[in-house]
Amino acid sequence: AARAAAAFCSAPTALLARAAAFDGPWNAFHGDAARRAREFPRRCFEAAYVDVLLGDVFGVDREARSVLVALDVHGIELDWTLGAVLD
């Protein structure tokens, strides 16, 4: 997760803008292009936070490559409090 966060956070703004505009199969998890463009600037902080949370708090192997992050499930926006209830 740390390498992915570092790669995302160091990506040129133009590359992130192109990625945000790309409509693909990830829409169900990351919202539409407008939402991605609006939210991408804060994703760097979130990626660093997730790295610390998964690695230091939950003990997930930092080399693990199969972590899925979703913004909503069936149209209901996820937040840490809802995630805690679902756990």
PDB file of N, CA and C in Angstrom:
ATOM      1  N   ALA A   1       0.826  -1.188   0.000  1.00  0.00           N
ATOM      2  CA  ALA A   1       0.000   0.000   0.000  1.00  0.00           C
ATOM      3  C   ALA A   1       0.870   1.251   0.000  1.00  0.00           C
ATOM      4  N   ALA A   2       2.020   1.182   0.660  1.00  0.00           N
ATOM      5  CA  ALA A   2       2.885   2.369   0.731  1.00  0.00           C
ATOM      6  C   ALA A   2       3.404   2.756  -0.643  1.00  0.00           C
ATOM      7  N   ARG A   3       3.787   1.767  -1.455  1.00  0.00           N
ATOM      8  CA  ARG A   3       4.290   2.082  -2.803  1.00  0.00           C
ATOM      9  C   ARG A   3       3.176   2.659  -3.669  1.00  0.00           C
ATOM     10  N   ALA A   4       1.991   2.102  -3.556  1.00  0.00           N
ATOM     11  CA  ALA A   4       0.861   2.616  -4.337  1.00  0.00           C
ATOM     12  C   ALA A   4       0.531   4.044  -3.909  1.00  0.00           C
ATOM     13  N   ALA A   5       0.534   4.297  -2.611  1.00  0.00           N
ATOM     14  CA  ALA A   5       0.263   5.649  -2.120  1.00  0.00           C
ATOM     15  C   ALA A   5       1.327   6.618  -2.609  1.00  0.00           C
ATOM     16  N   ALA A   6       2.585   6.213  -2.542  1.00  0.00           N
ATOM     17  CA  ALA A   6       3.670   7.084  -3.001  1.00  0.00           C
ATOM     18  C   ALA A   6       3.554   7.363  -4.494  1.00  0.00           C
ATOM     19  N   ALA A   7       3.214   6.344  -5.278  1.00  0.00           N
ATOM     20  CA  ALA A   7       3.058   6.531  -6.723  1.00  0.00           C
ATOM     21  C   ALA A   7       1.906   7.474  -7.020  1.00  0.00           C
ATOM     22  N   PHE A   8       0.793   7.293  -6.321  1.00  0.00           N
ATOM     23  CA  PHE A   8      -0.364   8.169  -6.540  1.00  0.00           C
ATOM     24  C   PHE A   8      -0.034   9.603  -6.147  1.00  0.00           C
ATOM     25  N   CYS A   9       0.576   9.767  -4.985  1.00  0.00           N
ATOM     26  CA  CYS A   9       0.849  11.112  -4.472  1.00  0.00           C
ATOM     27  C   CYS A   9       1.908  11.849  -5.292  1.00  0.00           C
ATOM     28  N   SER A  10       2.766  11.120  -5.992  1.00  0.00           N
ATOM     29  CA  SER A  10       3.803  11.775  -6.785  1.00  0.00           C
ATOM     30  C   SER A  10       3.423  11.884  -8.257  1.00  0.00           C
ATOM     31  N   ALA A  11       2.239  11.404  -8.621  1.00  0.00           N
ATOM     32  CA  ALA A  11       1.806  11.465 -10.017  1.00  0.00           C
ATOM     33  C   ALA A  11       1.553  12.914 -10.435  1.00  0.00           C
ATOM     34  N   PRO A  12       1.919  13.260 -11.666  1.00  0.00           N
ATOM     35  CA  PRO A  12       1.659  14.613 -12.162  1.00  0.00           C
ATOM     36  C   PRO A  12       0.160  14.913 -12.183  1.00  0.00           C
ATOM     37  N   THR A  13      -0.194  16.138 -11.934  1.00  0.00           N
ATOM     38  CA  THR A  13      -1.599  16.556 -11.905  1.00  0.00           C
ATOM     39  C   THR A  13      -2.304  16.222 -13.212  1.00  0.00           C
ATOM     40  N   ALA A  14      -1.619  16.410 -14.338  1.00  0.00           N
ATOM     41  CA  ALA A  14      -2.232  16.119 -15.637  1.00  0.00           C
ATOM     42  C   ALA A  14      -2.587  14.636 -15.760  1.00  0.00           C
ATOM     43  N   LEU A  15      -1.744  13.760 -15.238  1.00  0.00           N
ATOM     44  CA  LEU A  15      -2.020  12.321 -15.278  1.00  0.00           C
ATOM     45  C   LEU A  15      -3.236  11.990 -14.420  1.00  0.00           C
ATOM     46  N   LEU A  16      -3.321  12.581 -13.238  1.00  0.00           N
ATOM     47  CA  LEU A  16      -4.472  12.342 -12.366  1.00  0.00           C
ATOM     48  C   LEU A  16      -5.758  12.861 -13.001  1.00  0.00           C
ATOM     49  N   ALA A  17      -5.672  13.996 -13.694  1.00  0.00           N
ATOM     50  CA  ALA A  17      -6.848  14.538 -14.371  1.00  0.00           C
ATOM     51  C   ALA A  17      -7.326  13.589 -15.466  1.00  0.00           C
ATOM     52  N   ARG A  18      -6.381  13.022 -16.228  1.00  0.00           N
ATOM     53  CA  ARG A  18      -6.761  12.047 -17.263  1.00  0.00           C
ATOM     54  C   ARG A  18      -7.364  10.796 -16.630  1.00  0.00           C
ATOM     55  N   ALA A  19      -6.789  10.342 -15.532  1.00  0.00           N
ATOM     56  CA  ALA A  19      -7.321   9.159 -14.851  1.00  0.00           C
ATOM     57  C   ALA A  19      -8.717   9.425 -14.309  1.00  0.00           C
ATOM     58  N   ALA A  20      -8.924  10.599 -13.761  1.00  0.00           N
ATOM     59  CA  ALA A  20     -10.239  10.945 -13.218  1.00  0.00           C
ATOM     60  C   ALA A  20     -11.293  10.991 -14.322  1.00  0.00           C
ATOM     61  N   ALA A  21     -10.900  11.408 -15.510  1.00  0.00           N
ATOM     62  CA  ALA A  21     -11.844  11.549 -16.621  1.00  0.00           C
ATOM     63  C   ALA A  21     -12.152  10.209 -17.290  1.00  0.00           C
ATOM     64  N   PHE A  22     -11.326   9.192 -17.060  1.00  0.00           N
ATOM     65  CA  PHE A  22     -11.503   7.903 -17.719  1.00  0.00           C
ATOM     66  C   PHE A  22     -12.683   7.152 -17.125  1.00  0.00           C
ATOM     67  N   ASP A  23     -13.652   6.828 -17.968  1.00  0.00           N
ATOM     68  CA  ASP A  23     -14.785   6.022 -17.531  1.00  0.00           C
ATOM     69  C   ASP A  23     -14.469   4.568 -17.805  1.00  0.00           C
ATOM     70  N   GLY A  24     -14.510   3.788 -16.784  1.00  0.00           N
ATOM     71  CA  GLY A  24     -14.193   2.374 -16.930  1.00  0.00           C
ATOM     72  C   GLY A  24     -14.928   1.575 -15.884  1.00  0.00           C
ATOM     73  N   PRO A  25     -14.511   0.355 -15.702  1.00  0.00           N
ATOM     74  CA  PRO A  25     -15.213  -0.526 -14.761  1.00  0.00           C
ATOM     75  C   PRO A  25     -15.100  -0.080 -13.302  1.00  0.00           C
ATOM     76  N   TRP A  26     -14.245   0.864 -13.015  1.00  0.00           N
ATOM     77  CA  TRP A  26     -14.070   1.290 -11.628  1.00  0.00           C
ATOM     78  C   TRP A  26     -15.150   2.259 -11.165  1.00  0.00           C
ATOM     79  N   ASN A  27     -16.028   2.730 -12.056  1.00  0.00           N
ATOM     80  CA  ASN A  27     -17.062   3.695 -11.686  1.00  0.00           C
ATOM     81  C   ASN A  27     -17.906   3.232 -10.508  1.00  0.00           C
ATOM     82  N   ALA A  28     -18.195   1.935 -10.450  1.00  0.00           N
ATOM     83  CA  ALA A  28     -19.038   1.431  -9.372  1.00  0.00           C
ATOM     84  C   ALA A  28     -18.392   1.622  -8.010  1.00  0.00           C
ATOM     85  N   PHE A  29     -17.063   1.668  -7.963  1.00  0.00           N
ATOM     86  CA  PHE A  29     -16.373   1.804  -6.689  1.00  0.00           C
ATOM     87  C   PHE A  29     -15.852   3.210  -6.435  1.00  0.00           C
ATOM     88  N   HIS A  30     -15.589   3.958  -7.505  1.00  0.00           N
ATOM     89  CA  HIS A  30     -14.951   5.263  -7.327  1.00  0.00           C
ATOM     90  C   HIS A  30     -15.784   6.421  -7.855  1.00  0.00           C
ATOM     91  N   GLY A  31     -17.045   6.212  -8.129  1.00  0.00           N
ATOM     92  CA  GLY A  31     -17.911   7.278  -8.593  1.00  0.00           C
ATOM     93  C   GLY A  31     -17.670   7.642 -10.047  1.00  0.00           C
ATOM     94  N   ASP A  32     -18.444   8.586 -10.540  1.00  0.00           N
ATOM     95  CA  ASP A  32     -18.297   9.008 -11.925  1.00  0.00           C
ATOM     96  C   ASP A  32     -17.116   9.975 -12.069  1.00  0.00           C
ATOM     97  N   ALA A  33     -16.853  10.402 -13.296  1.00  0.00           N
ATOM     98  CA  ALA A  33     -15.689  11.260 -13.581  1.00  0.00           C
ATOM     99  C   ALA A  33     -15.722  12.562 -12.778  1.00  0.00           C
ATOM    100  N   ALA A  34     -16.891  13.168 -12.650  1.00  0.00           N
ATOM    101  CA  ALA A  34     -16.997  14.427 -11.895  1.00  0.00           C
ATOM    102  C   ALA A  34     -16.639  14.209 -10.425  1.00  0.00           C
ATOM    103  N   ARG A  35     -17.116  13.125  -9.864  1.00  0.00           N
ATOM    104  CA  ARG A  35     -16.819  12.831  -8.456  1.00  0.00           C
ATOM    105  C   ARG A  35     -15.331  12.561  -8.269  1.00  0.00           C
ATOM    106  N   ARG A  36     -14.744  11.776  -9.180  1.00  0.00           N
ATOM    107  CA  ARG A  36     -13.313  11.489  -9.070  1.00  0.00           C
ATOM    108  C   ARG A  36     -12.495  12.764  -9.166  1.00  0.00           C
ATOM    109  N   ALA A  37     -12.824  13.647 -10.104  1.00  0.00           N
ATOM    110  CA  ALA A  37     -12.081  14.904 -10.258  1.00  0.00           C
ATOM    111  C   ALA A  37     -12.182  15.744  -8.995  1.00  0.00           C
ATOM    112  N   ARG A  38     -13.342  15.730  -8.379  1.00  0.00           N
ATOM    113  CA  ARG A  38     -13.576  16.496  -7.153  1.00  0.00           C
ATOM    114  C   ARG A  38     -12.808  15.902  -5.970  1.00  0.00           C
ATOM    115  N   GLU A  39     -12.709  14.579  -5.918  1.00  0.00           N
ATOM    116  CA  GLU A  39     -12.155  13.920  -4.741  1.00  0.00           C
ATOM    117  C   GLU A  39     -10.688  13.509  -4.866  1.00  0.00           C
ATOM    118  N   PHE A  40     -10.141  13.451  -6.078  1.00  0.00           N
ATOM    119  CA  PHE A  40      -8.757  13.013  -6.242  1.00  0.00           C
ATOM    120  C   PHE A  40      -7.751  13.810  -5.413  1.00  0.00           C
ATOM    121  N   PRO A  41      -7.919  15.131  -5.266  1.00  0.00           N
ATOM    122  CA  PRO A  41      -6.912  15.865  -4.479  1.00  0.00           C
ATOM    123  C   PRO A  41      -6.740  15.353  -3.049  1.00  0.00           C
ATOM    124  N   ARG A  42      -7.781  14.845  -2.432  1.00  0.00           N
ATOM    125  CA  ARG A  42      -7.632  14.367  -1.053  1.00  0.00           C
ATOM    126  C   ARG A  42      -7.262  12.892  -0.967  1.00  0.00           C
ATOM    127  N   ARG A  43      -7.251  12.205  -2.086  1.00  0.00           N
ATOM    128  CA  ARG A  43      -6.925  10.780  -2.089  1.00  0.00           C
ATOM    129  C   ARG A  43      -5.488  10.503  -1.645  1.00  0.00           C
ATOM    130  N   CYS A  44      -4.584  11.442  -1.847  1.00  0.00           N
ATOM    131  CA  CYS A  44      -3.202  11.248  -1.410  1.00  0.00           C
ATOM    132  C   CYS A  44      -3.166  11.083   0.113  1.00  0.00           C
ATOM    133  N   PHE A  45      -3.820  11.963   0.828  1.00  0.00           N
ATOM    134  CA  PHE A  45      -3.885  11.843   2.288  1.00  0.00           C
ATOM    135  C   PHE A  45      -4.535  10.522   2.677  1.00  0.00           C
ATOM    136  N   GLU A  46      -5.645  10.192   2.013  1.00  0.00           N
ATOM    137  CA  GLU A  46      -6.359   8.967   2.348  1.00  0.00           C
ATOM    138  C   GLU A  46      -5.511   7.732   2.095  1.00  0.00           C
ATOM    139  N   ALA A  47      -4.731   7.740   1.016  1.00  0.00           N
ATOM    140  CA  ALA A  47      -3.869   6.593   0.713  1.00  0.00           C
ATOM    141  C   ALA A  47      -2.819   6.403   1.806  1.00  0.00           C
ATOM    142  N   ALA A  48      -2.237   7.498   2.270  1.00  0.00           N
ATOM    143  CA  ALA A  48      -1.254   7.412   3.351  1.00  0.00           C
ATOM    144  C   ALA A  48      -1.920   6.916   4.639  1.00  0.00           C
ATOM    145  N   TYR A  49      -3.115   7.407   4.911  1.00  0.00           N
ATOM    146  CA  TYR A  49      -3.863   6.986   6.093  1.00  0.00           C
ATOM    147  C   TYR A  49      -4.178   5.491   6.039  1.00  0.00           C
ATOM    148  N   VAL A  50      -4.644   5.028   4.884  1.00  0.00           N
ATOM    149  CA  VAL A  50      -4.980   3.615   4.724  1.00  0.00           C
ATOM    150  C   VAL A  50      -3.738   2.746   4.911  1.00  0.00           C
ATOM    151  N   ASP A  51      -2.604   3.201   4.384  1.00  0.00           N
ATOM    152  CA  ASP A  51      -1.364   2.445   4.552  1.00  0.00           C
ATOM    153  C   ASP A  51      -1.027   2.256   6.030  1.00  0.00           C
ATOM    154  N   VAL A  52      -1.113   3.323   6.805  1.00  0.00           N
ATOM    155  CA  VAL A  52      -0.821   3.240   8.238  1.00  0.00           C
ATOM    156  C   VAL A  52      -1.880   2.393   8.946  1.00  0.00           C
ATOM    157  N   LEU A  53      -3.133   2.605   8.614  1.00  0.00           N
ATOM    158  CA  LEU A  53      -4.214   1.865   9.263  1.00  0.00           C
ATOM    159  C   LEU A  53      -4.092   0.364   9.003  1.00  0.00           C
ATOM    160  N   LEU A  54      -3.924  -0.009   7.729  1.00  0.00           N
ATOM    161  CA  LEU A  54      -3.832  -1.430   7.416  1.00  0.00           C
ATOM    162  C   LEU A  54      -2.561  -2.059   7.970  1.00  0.00           C
ATOM    163  N   GLY A  55      -1.429  -1.380   7.788  1.00  0.00           N
ATOM    164  CA  GLY A  55      -0.150  -1.961   8.199  1.00  0.00           C
ATOM    165  C   GLY A  55       0.100  -1.916   9.690  1.00  0.00           C
ATOM    166  N   ASP A  56      -0.061  -0.748  10.298  1.00  0.00           N
ATOM    167  CA  ASP A  56       0.292  -0.581  11.705  1.00  0.00           C
ATOM    168  C   ASP A  56      -0.823  -0.970  12.670  1.00  0.00           C
ATOM    169  N   VAL A  57      -2.070  -0.728  12.276  1.00  0.00           N
ATOM    170  CA  VAL A  57      -3.182  -0.998  13.192  1.00  0.00           C
ATOM    171  C   VAL A  57      -3.711  -2.419  13.020  1.00  0.00           C
ATOM    172  N   PHE A  58      -3.962  -2.815  11.761  1.00  0.00           N
ATOM    173  CA  PHE A  58      -4.564  -4.125  11.528  1.00  0.00           C
ATOM    174  C   PHE A  58      -3.550  -5.208  11.183  1.00  0.00           C
ATOM    175  N   GLY A  59      -2.294  -4.840  10.985  1.00  0.00           N
ATOM    176  CA  GLY A  59      -1.250  -5.825  10.741  1.00  0.00           C
ATOM    177  C   GLY A  59      -1.274  -6.493   9.378  1.00  0.00           C
ATOM    178  N   VAL A  60      -1.896  -5.832   8.389  1.00  0.00           N
ATOM    179  CA  VAL A  60      -1.914  -6.385   7.038  1.00  0.00           C
ATOM    180  C   VAL A  60      -0.511  -6.279   6.454  1.00  0.00           C
ATOM    181  N   ASP A  61      -0.065  -7.343   5.823  1.00  0.00           N
ATOM    182  CA  ASP A  61       1.255  -7.358   5.190  1.00  0.00           C
ATOM    183  C   ASP A  61       1.364  -6.195   4.207  1.00  0.00           C
ATOM    184  N   ARG A  62       2.394  -5.374   4.343  1.00  0.00           N
ATOM    185  CA  ARG A  62       2.550  -4.200   3.487  1.00  0.00           C
ATOM    186  C   ARG A  62       2.779  -4.559   2.031  1.00  0.00           C
ATOM    187  N   GLU A  63       3.112  -5.812   1.767  1.00  0.00           N
ATOM    188  CA  GLU A  63       3.292  -6.244   0.383  1.00  0.00           C
ATOM    189  C   GLU A  63       2.008  -6.868  -0.192  1.00  0.00           C
ATOM    190  N   ALA A  64       0.940  -6.922   0.612  1.00  0.00           N
ATOM    191  CA  ALA A  64      -0.325  -7.472   0.134  1.00  0.00           C
ATOM    192  C   ALA A  64      -0.817  -6.645  -1.051  1.00  0.00           C
ATOM    193  N   ARG A  65      -1.417  -7.323  -2.005  1.00  0.00           N
ATOM    194  CA  ARG A  65      -1.818  -6.626  -3.220  1.00  0.00           C
ATOM    195  C   ARG A  65      -3.309  -6.767  -3.511  1.00  0.00           C
ATOM    196  N   SER A  66      -4.077  -7.294  -2.604  1.00  0.00           N
ATOM    197  CA  SER A  66      -5.487  -7.531  -2.902  1.00  0.00           C
ATOM    198  C   SER A  66      -6.403  -6.830  -1.897  1.00  0.00           C
ATOM    199  N   VAL A  67      -6.278  -5.540  -1.809  1.00  0.00           N
ATOM    200  CA  VAL A  67      -7.142  -4.749  -0.947  1.00  0.00           C
ATOM    201  C   VAL A  67      -8.089  -3.951  -1.839  1.00  0.00           C
ATOM    202  N   LEU A  68      -9.378  -4.025  -1.571  1.00  0.00           N
ATOM    203  CA  LEU A  68     -10.381  -3.324  -2.351  1.00  0.00           C
ATOM    204  C   LEU A  68     -10.946  -2.197  -1.499  1.00  0.00           C
ATOM    205  N   VAL A  69     -10.988  -1.005  -2.070  1.00  0.00           N
ATOM    206  CA  VAL A  69     -11.532   0.159  -1.375  1.00  0.00           C
ATOM    207  C   VAL A  69     -12.758   0.623  -2.143  1.00  0.00           C
ATOM    208  N   ALA A  70     -13.862   0.825  -1.458  1.00  0.00           N
ATOM    209  CA  ALA A  70     -15.098   1.278  -2.095  1.00  0.00           C
ATOM    210  C   ALA A  70     -15.593   2.552  -1.425  1.00  0.00           C
ATOM    211  N   LEU A  71     -16.234   3.413  -2.212  1.00  0.00           N
ATOM    212  CA  LEU A  71     -16.817   4.637  -1.679  1.00  0.00           C
ATOM    213  C   LEU A  71     -18.262   4.441  -1.267  1.00  0.00           C
ATOM    214  N   ASP A  72     -18.939   3.540  -1.971  1.00  0.00           N
ATOM    215  CA  ASP A  72     -20.322   3.260  -1.601  1.00  0.00           C
ATOM    216  C   ASP A  72     -20.675   1.820  -1.961  1.00  0.00           C
ATOM    217  N   VAL A  73     -21.732   1.333  -1.326  1.00  0.00           N
ATOM    218  CA  VAL A  73     -22.256   0.000  -1.611  1.00  0.00           C
ATOM    219  C   VAL A  73     -23.740   0.168  -1.893  1.00  0.00           C
ATOM    220  N   HIS A  74     -24.140  -0.209  -3.100  1.00  0.00           N
ATOM    221  CA  HIS A  74     -25.537  -0.080  -3.516  1.00  0.00           C
ATOM    222  C   HIS A  74     -26.074   1.332  -3.285  1.00  0.00           C
ATOM    223  N   GLY A  75     -25.250   2.330  -3.600  1.00  0.00           N
ATOM    224  CA  GLY A  75     -25.680   3.720  -3.497  1.00  0.00           C
ATOM    225  C   GLY A  75     -25.588   4.331  -2.109  1.00  0.00           C
ATOM    226  N   ILE A  76     -25.146   3.575  -1.118  1.00  0.00           N
ATOM    227  CA  ILE A  76     -25.007   4.089   0.245  1.00  0.00           C
ATOM    228  C   ILE A  76     -23.534   4.390   0.484  1.00  0.00           C
ATOM    229  N   GLU A  77     -23.241   5.669   0.752  1.00  0.00           N
ATOM    230  CA  GLU A  77     -21.851   6.079   0.936  1.00  0.00           C
ATOM    231  C   GLU A  77     -21.267   5.464   2.198  1.00  0.00           C
ATOM    232  N   LEU A  78     -20.059   4.930   2.047  1.00  0.00           N
ATOM    233  CA  LEU A  78     -19.373   4.321   3.178  1.00  0.00           C
ATOM    234  C   LEU A  78     -18.540   5.362   3.911  1.00  0.00           C
ATOM    235  N   ASP A  79     -18.478   5.230   5.171  1.00  0.00           N
ATOM    236  CA  ASP A  79     -17.641   6.048   6.025  1.00  0.00           C
ATOM    237  C   ASP A  79     -17.113   5.103   7.094  1.00  0.00           C
ATOM    238  N   TRP A  80     -16.130   5.527   7.840  1.00  0.00           N
ATOM    239  CA  TRP A  80     -15.558   4.597   8.813  1.00  0.00           C
ATOM    240  C   TRP A  80     -16.586   4.135   9.837  1.00  0.00           C
ATOM    241  N   THR A  81     -17.547   4.985  10.177  1.00  0.00           N
ATOM    242  CA  THR A  81     -18.527   4.565  11.185  1.00  0.00           C
ATOM    243  C   THR A  81     -19.429   3.472  10.643  1.00  0.00           C
ATOM    244  N   LEU A  82     -19.856   3.586   9.378  1.00  0.00           N
ATOM    245  CA  LEU A  82     -20.672   2.541   8.791  1.00  0.00           C
ATOM    246  C   LEU A  82     -19.840   1.272   8.632  1.00  0.00           C
ATOM    247  N   GLY A  83     -18.585   1.447   8.246  1.00  0.00           N
ATOM    248  CA  GLY A  83     -17.693   0.300   8.119  1.00  0.00           C
ATOM    249  C   GLY A  83     -17.549  -0.434   9.444  1.00  0.00           C
ATOM    250  N   ALA A  84     -17.503   0.310  10.542  1.00  0.00           N
ATOM    251  CA  ALA A  84     -17.385  -0.303  11.862  1.00  0.00           C
ATOM    252  C   ALA A  84     -18.653  -1.086  12.200  1.00  0.00           C
ATOM    253  N   VAL A  85     -19.815  -0.576  11.807  1.00  0.00           N
ATOM    254  CA  VAL A  85     -21.078  -1.262  12.056  1.00  0.00           C
ATOM    255  C   VAL A  85     -21.157  -2.548  11.246  1.00  0.00           C
ATOM    256  N   LEU A  86     -20.698  -2.490   9.969  1.00  0.00           N
ATOM    257  CA  LEU A  86     -20.756  -3.667   9.104  1.00  0.00           C
ATOM    258  C   LEU A  86     -19.774  -4.733   9.536  1.00  0.00           C
ATOM    259  N   ASP A  87     -18.697  -4.326  10.209  1.00  0.00           N
ATOM    260  CA  ASP A  87     -17.685  -5.277  10.665  1.00  0.00           C
ATOM    261  C   ASP A  87     -18.278  -6.084  11.775  1.00  0.00           C
TER     262      ASP A  87
END
